[in-house]
Amino acid sequence: MIKIYHNTRCSKSREGLEIVENSGQEFEVREYLKQPLSEDELKNLLQKLQMKPSEIVRRNENIWKEQFKNQNLNDEELIKILVDNPQLIERPIVEKDHKAVVGRPSSEIEKLIN
C-alpha cells in the first residue's frame, strides 16, 4: 500500500496526492502536521528514503532560520527537532513497500508507484 505524508496547505503536496489518487492503487494519507511522526517512525522513513535527516529539512522555514540555522546538529538532534517541528519536514513524502521518495519533483512519485 502507498502512504503519503501530506500537508493540505502545500501545493506540491496536493499535487503529489493527486498523482497517488490517480494511480488507482490503495493508499493512505497521513497529515503529518496533525499526526506527527514519532522518532522511530521518522527513522524508519529516513531509512526508506535512504537520506539523512539534514536532507529533508525545509531550511527556508522561519522556525529553522530563527532557532536552528548555523547550529552544528547531529542526526539524533535533527530527528528530535523534526519530530517536535513537523513543519520542517520536506513534503510530500510518498512511501511504498520498502522505499520512499520526496515528491519534488512530482515525477519521483510516479517512478515510485508505477
N, C-alpha and C. Protein backbone atom coordinates (compact mmCIF):
# COMPACT_ATOMS: atom_id res chain seq x y z
N MET A 1 0.83 -1.18 0.00
CA MET A 1 0.00 0.00 0.00
C MET A 1 0.88 1.25 0.00
N ILE A 2 0.38 2.29 -0.61
CA ILE A 2 1.07 3.58 -0.68
C ILE A 2 0.65 4.42 0.52
N LYS A 3 1.61 5.16 1.07
CA LYS A 3 1.30 6.13 2.12
C LYS A 3 1.91 7.45 1.70
N ILE A 4 1.11 8.52 1.81
CA ILE A 4 1.62 9.85 1.51
C ILE A 4 1.57 10.68 2.79
N TYR A 5 2.70 11.29 3.09
CA TYR A 5 2.81 12.22 4.21
C TYR A 5 2.50 13.60 3.62
N HIS A 6 1.36 14.12 4.01
CA HIS A 6 0.72 15.21 3.28
C HIS A 6 0.49 16.44 4.16
N ASN A 7 0.68 17.61 3.53
CA ASN A 7 0.33 18.89 4.15
C ASN A 7 -0.69 19.54 3.23
N THR A 8 -1.90 19.66 3.70
CA THR A 8 -3.00 20.18 2.85
C THR A 8 -2.75 21.60 2.36
N ARG A 9 -1.93 22.37 3.05
CA ARG A 9 -1.70 23.76 2.66
C ARG A 9 -0.60 23.92 1.61
N CYS A 10 0.06 22.83 1.25
CA CYS A 10 1.19 22.89 0.32
C CYS A 10 0.75 22.45 -1.08
N SER A 11 0.98 23.29 -2.07
CA SER A 11 0.57 22.96 -3.44
C SER A 11 1.31 21.74 -3.98
N LYS A 12 2.59 21.61 -3.66
CA LYS A 12 3.35 20.43 -4.12
C LYS A 12 2.82 19.15 -3.47
N SER A 13 2.41 19.25 -2.23
CA SER A 13 1.85 18.10 -1.54
C SER A 13 0.49 17.74 -2.14
N ARG A 14 -0.33 18.73 -2.44
CA ARG A 14 -1.63 18.47 -3.09
C ARG A 14 -1.42 17.85 -4.47
N GLU A 15 -0.42 18.31 -5.19
CA GLU A 15 -0.08 17.73 -6.50
C GLU A 15 0.34 16.27 -6.34
N GLY A 16 1.13 15.99 -5.32
CA GLY A 16 1.55 14.61 -5.05
C GLY A 16 0.37 13.72 -4.70
N LEU A 17 -0.56 14.24 -3.91
CA LEU A 17 -1.74 13.48 -3.54
C LEU A 17 -2.58 13.16 -4.77
N GLU A 18 -2.68 14.10 -5.68
CA GLU A 18 -3.44 13.86 -6.91
C GLU A 18 -2.82 12.72 -7.73
N ILE A 19 -1.50 12.69 -7.81
CA ILE A 19 -0.81 11.61 -8.53
C ILE A 19 -1.13 10.26 -7.87
N VAL A 20 -1.07 10.23 -6.55
CA VAL A 20 -1.36 8.99 -5.83
C VAL A 20 -2.82 8.58 -6.04
N GLU A 21 -3.73 9.53 -5.95
CA GLU A 21 -5.15 9.23 -6.16
C GLU A 21 -5.41 8.68 -7.56
N ASN A 22 -4.76 9.27 -8.56
CA ASN A 22 -4.96 8.86 -9.95
C ASN A 22 -4.27 7.54 -10.30
N SER A 23 -3.45 7.02 -9.39
CA SER A 23 -2.73 5.77 -9.67
C SER A 23 -3.66 4.57 -9.65
N GLY A 24 -4.81 4.70 -9.02
CA GLY A 24 -5.74 3.59 -8.90
C GLY A 24 -5.32 2.56 -7.85
N GLN A 25 -4.24 2.84 -7.14
CA GLN A 25 -3.74 1.93 -6.11
C GLN A 25 -4.29 2.34 -4.74
N GLU A 26 -4.31 1.37 -3.85
CA GLU A 26 -4.76 1.63 -2.49
C GLU A 26 -3.73 2.53 -1.81
N PHE A 27 -4.23 3.53 -1.07
CA PHE A 27 -3.31 4.44 -0.40
C PHE A 27 -3.89 4.95 0.91
N GLU A 28 -2.99 5.50 1.70
CA GLU A 28 -3.35 6.09 2.98
C GLU A 28 -2.72 7.49 3.02
N VAL A 29 -3.46 8.44 3.56
CA VAL A 29 -2.96 9.81 3.71
C VAL A 29 -2.68 10.04 5.19
N ARG A 30 -1.49 10.52 5.46
CA ARG A 30 -1.15 10.92 6.82
C ARG A 30 -0.84 12.40 6.81
N GLU A 31 -1.72 13.17 7.43
CA GLU A 31 -1.49 14.60 7.58
C GLU A 31 -0.54 14.76 8.76
N TYR A 32 0.73 14.81 8.46
CA TYR A 32 1.76 14.72 9.49
C TYR A 32 1.84 15.94 10.40
N LEU A 33 1.17 17.04 10.01
CA LEU A 33 1.11 18.18 10.94
C LEU A 33 0.08 17.91 12.03
N LYS A 34 -0.96 17.15 11.70
CA LYS A 34 -2.00 16.79 12.68
C LYS A 34 -1.62 15.52 13.44
N GLN A 35 -0.90 14.61 12.77
CA GLN A 35 -0.45 13.35 13.36
C GLN A 35 1.06 13.28 13.20
N PRO A 36 1.81 13.97 14.05
CA PRO A 36 3.27 13.99 13.90
C PRO A 36 3.88 12.59 14.01
N LEU A 37 5.00 12.43 13.34
CA LEU A 37 5.72 11.17 13.37
C LEU A 37 6.47 11.04 14.70
N SER A 38 6.59 9.82 15.17
CA SER A 38 7.44 9.55 16.34
C SER A 38 8.89 9.49 15.84
N GLU A 39 9.81 9.47 16.78
CA GLU A 39 11.22 9.36 16.38
C GLU A 39 11.46 8.07 15.62
N ASP A 40 10.88 6.96 16.09
CA ASP A 40 11.06 5.68 15.41
C ASP A 40 10.46 5.70 14.01
N GLU A 41 9.28 6.30 13.86
CA GLU A 41 8.66 6.38 12.54
C GLU A 41 9.52 7.20 11.59
N LEU A 42 10.06 8.31 12.08
CA LEU A 42 10.90 9.17 11.24
C LEU A 42 12.19 8.44 10.86
N LYS A 43 12.78 7.73 11.79
CA LYS A 43 14.00 6.97 11.49
C LYS A 43 13.72 5.91 10.42
N ASN A 44 12.60 5.23 10.54
CA ASN A 44 12.20 4.22 9.56
C ASN A 44 11.98 4.85 8.19
N LEU A 45 11.33 6.00 8.18
CA LEU A 45 11.08 6.69 6.91
C LEU A 45 12.39 7.16 6.28
N LEU A 46 13.30 7.67 7.08
CA LEU A 46 14.60 8.10 6.56
C LEU A 46 15.36 6.92 5.96
N GLN A 47 15.23 5.76 6.57
CA GLN A 47 15.88 4.56 6.04
C GLN A 47 15.30 4.22 4.67
N LYS A 48 13.97 4.30 4.53
CA LYS A 48 13.33 4.02 3.25
C LYS A 48 13.69 5.07 2.20
N LEU A 49 13.86 6.31 2.64
CA LEU A 49 14.27 7.38 1.74
C LEU A 49 15.75 7.26 1.35
N GLN A 50 16.52 6.56 2.16
CA GLN A 50 17.97 6.48 2.03
C GLN A 50 18.57 7.89 2.09
N MET A 51 18.09 8.64 3.11
CA MET A 51 18.53 10.02 3.30
C MET A 51 18.88 10.24 4.77
N LYS A 52 19.68 11.28 4.97
CA LYS A 52 20.00 11.73 6.32
C LYS A 52 18.95 12.77 6.73
N PRO A 53 18.75 12.97 8.03
CA PRO A 53 17.78 13.97 8.48
C PRO A 53 18.01 15.35 7.87
N SER A 54 19.26 15.73 7.71
CA SER A 54 19.57 17.06 7.16
C SER A 54 19.06 17.24 5.73
N GLU A 55 18.84 16.12 5.02
CA GLU A 55 18.40 16.20 3.62
C GLU A 55 16.90 16.43 3.48
N ILE A 56 16.15 16.31 4.56
CA ILE A 56 14.70 16.53 4.45
C ILE A 56 14.24 17.76 5.24
N VAL A 57 15.19 18.58 5.67
CA VAL A 57 14.85 19.79 6.42
C VAL A 57 14.50 20.92 5.46
N ARG A 58 13.38 21.57 5.74
CA ARG A 58 12.98 22.76 4.98
C ARG A 58 13.68 23.97 5.61
N ARG A 59 14.80 24.33 5.04
CA ARG A 59 15.67 25.36 5.64
C ARG A 59 15.16 26.79 5.45
N ASN A 60 14.16 26.98 4.61
CA ASN A 60 13.62 28.33 4.41
C ASN A 60 12.47 28.67 5.36
N GLU A 61 12.08 27.71 6.18
CA GLU A 61 11.03 27.98 7.17
C GLU A 61 11.57 28.92 8.25
N ASN A 62 10.73 29.85 8.69
CA ASN A 62 11.17 30.81 9.69
C ASN A 62 11.67 30.15 10.97
N ILE A 63 10.98 29.12 11.40
CA ILE A 63 11.39 28.45 12.64
C ILE A 63 12.82 27.91 12.53
N TRP A 64 13.19 27.42 11.34
CA TRP A 64 14.56 26.93 11.15
C TRP A 64 15.53 28.10 11.22
N LYS A 65 15.23 29.15 10.47
CA LYS A 65 16.12 30.30 10.42
C LYS A 65 16.30 30.94 11.80
N GLU A 66 15.21 31.01 12.56
CA GLU A 66 15.25 31.70 13.85
C GLU A 66 15.85 30.87 14.98
N GLN A 67 15.67 29.54 14.92
CA GLN A 67 16.06 28.72 16.07
C GLN A 67 17.22 27.76 15.82
N PHE A 68 17.41 27.34 14.56
CA PHE A 68 18.36 26.25 14.35
C PHE A 68 19.47 26.52 13.34
N LYS A 69 19.31 27.53 12.52
CA LYS A 69 20.30 27.83 11.49
C LYS A 69 21.66 28.07 12.14
N ASN A 70 22.69 27.61 11.46
CA ASN A 70 24.08 27.79 11.90
C ASN A 70 24.45 27.01 13.16
N GLN A 71 23.59 26.08 13.56
CA GLN A 71 23.95 25.20 14.67
C GLN A 71 24.55 23.92 14.09
N ASN A 72 25.51 23.38 14.77
CA ASN A 72 26.13 22.14 14.34
C ASN A 72 25.37 20.98 14.99
N LEU A 73 24.34 20.46 14.30
CA LEU A 73 23.45 19.46 14.86
C LEU A 73 23.76 18.08 14.30
N ASN A 74 23.76 17.08 15.16
CA ASN A 74 23.96 15.71 14.69
C ASN A 74 22.61 15.11 14.26
N ASP A 75 22.64 13.90 13.72
CA ASP A 75 21.43 13.28 13.20
C ASP A 75 20.36 13.11 14.29
N GLU A 76 20.76 12.68 15.47
CA GLU A 76 19.79 12.47 16.55
C GLU A 76 19.12 13.78 16.95
N GLU A 77 19.90 14.84 17.02
CA GLU A 77 19.34 16.15 17.36
C GLU A 77 18.38 16.62 16.27
N LEU A 78 18.75 16.42 15.02
CA LEU A 78 17.88 16.80 13.91
C LEU A 78 16.57 16.01 13.91
N ILE A 79 16.65 14.73 14.20
CA ILE A 79 15.44 13.91 14.26
C ILE A 79 14.50 14.45 15.34
N LYS A 80 15.03 14.77 16.50
CA LYS A 80 14.20 15.32 17.57
C LYS A 80 13.58 16.65 17.14
N ILE A 81 14.35 17.50 16.48
CA ILE A 81 13.83 18.79 16.00
C ILE A 81 12.71 18.56 14.99
N LEU A 82 12.90 17.62 14.08
CA LEU A 82 11.87 17.34 13.06
C LEU A 82 10.60 16.75 13.69
N VAL A 83 10.76 15.91 14.68
CA VAL A 83 9.59 15.34 15.38
C VAL A 83 8.84 16.45 16.12
N ASP A 84 9.58 17.33 16.76
CA ASP A 84 8.96 18.42 17.53
C ASP A 84 8.42 19.55 16.64
N ASN A 85 8.94 19.65 15.41
CA ASN A 85 8.56 20.71 14.48
C ASN A 85 8.29 20.11 13.11
N PRO A 86 7.20 19.37 12.95
CA PRO A 86 6.96 18.64 11.70
C PRO A 86 6.85 19.53 10.46
N GLN A 87 6.58 20.80 10.65
CA GLN A 87 6.52 21.71 9.50
C GLN A 87 7.88 21.86 8.83
N LEU A 88 8.94 21.41 9.49
CA LEU A 88 10.28 21.47 8.91
C LEU A 88 10.59 20.28 8.01
N ILE A 89 9.68 19.30 7.94
CA ILE A 89 9.91 18.12 7.11
C ILE A 89 9.51 18.42 5.67
N GLU A 90 10.41 18.12 4.76
CA GLU A 90 10.14 18.32 3.33
C GLU A 90 8.89 17.54 2.94
N ARG A 91 8.16 18.06 1.96
CA ARG A 91 6.90 17.44 1.56
C ARG A 91 6.68 17.55 0.07
N PRO A 92 5.86 16.65 -0.44
CA PRO A 92 5.31 15.47 0.21
C PRO A 92 6.34 14.35 0.21
N ILE A 93 6.13 13.41 1.11
CA ILE A 93 6.92 12.17 1.09
C ILE A 93 5.93 11.05 0.80
N VAL A 94 6.30 10.19 -0.14
CA VAL A 94 5.45 9.06 -0.51
C VAL A 94 6.23 7.78 -0.27
N GLU A 95 5.56 6.85 0.39
CA GLU A 95 6.18 5.58 0.78
C GLU A 95 5.41 4.43 0.13
N LYS A 96 6.14 3.48 -0.38
CA LYS A 96 5.53 2.27 -0.93
C LYS A 96 6.48 1.11 -0.65
N ASP A 97 5.94 0.10 0.02
CA ASP A 97 6.72 -1.07 0.38
C ASP A 97 7.96 -0.66 1.19
N HIS A 98 9.13 -0.94 0.67
CA HIS A 98 10.36 -0.66 1.42
C HIS A 98 11.11 0.55 0.90
N LYS A 99 10.42 1.39 0.12
CA LYS A 99 11.06 2.58 -0.45
C LYS A 99 10.19 3.80 -0.19
N ALA A 100 10.81 4.95 -0.26
CA ALA A 100 10.10 6.22 -0.13
C ALA A 100 10.84 7.27 -0.94
N VAL A 101 10.11 8.31 -1.34
CA VAL A 101 10.71 9.43 -2.07
C VAL A 101 10.12 10.74 -1.57
N VAL A 102 10.91 11.78 -1.70
CA VAL A 102 10.40 13.14 -1.53
C VAL A 102 9.84 13.51 -2.90
N GLY A 103 8.61 13.96 -2.95
CA GLY A 103 7.92 14.23 -4.21
C GLY A 103 8.26 15.57 -4.83
N ARG A 104 9.52 15.90 -4.89
CA ARG A 104 10.00 17.12 -5.56
C ARG A 104 11.16 16.73 -6.44
N PRO A 105 11.01 16.67 -7.70
CA PRO A 105 9.79 16.94 -8.47
C PRO A 105 8.78 15.79 -8.34
N SER A 106 7.55 16.06 -8.74
CA SER A 106 6.48 15.08 -8.59
C SER A 106 6.72 13.82 -9.42
N SER A 107 7.57 13.90 -10.43
CA SER A 107 7.89 12.72 -11.22
C SER A 107 8.53 11.62 -10.37
N GLU A 108 9.13 11.99 -9.24
CA GLU A 108 9.71 11.00 -8.34
C GLU A 108 8.61 10.09 -7.77
N ILE A 109 7.43 10.66 -7.53
CA ILE A 109 6.30 9.87 -7.04
C ILE A 109 5.86 8.88 -8.09
N GLU A 110 5.77 9.35 -9.32
CA GLU A 110 5.36 8.47 -10.42
C GLU A 110 6.32 7.30 -10.58
N LYS A 111 7.62 7.56 -10.47
CA LYS A 111 8.61 6.49 -10.58
C LYS A 111 8.42 5.45 -9.47
N LEU A 112 8.11 5.91 -8.27
CA LEU A 112 7.96 5.00 -7.14
C LEU A 112 6.71 4.14 -7.25
N ILE A 113 5.61 4.71 -7.68
CA ILE A 113 4.36 3.96 -7.62
C ILE A 113 4.03 3.20 -8.89
N ASN A 114 4.76 3.45 -9.96
CA ASN A 114 4.48 2.73 -11.22
C ASN A 114 5.42 1.55 -11.40
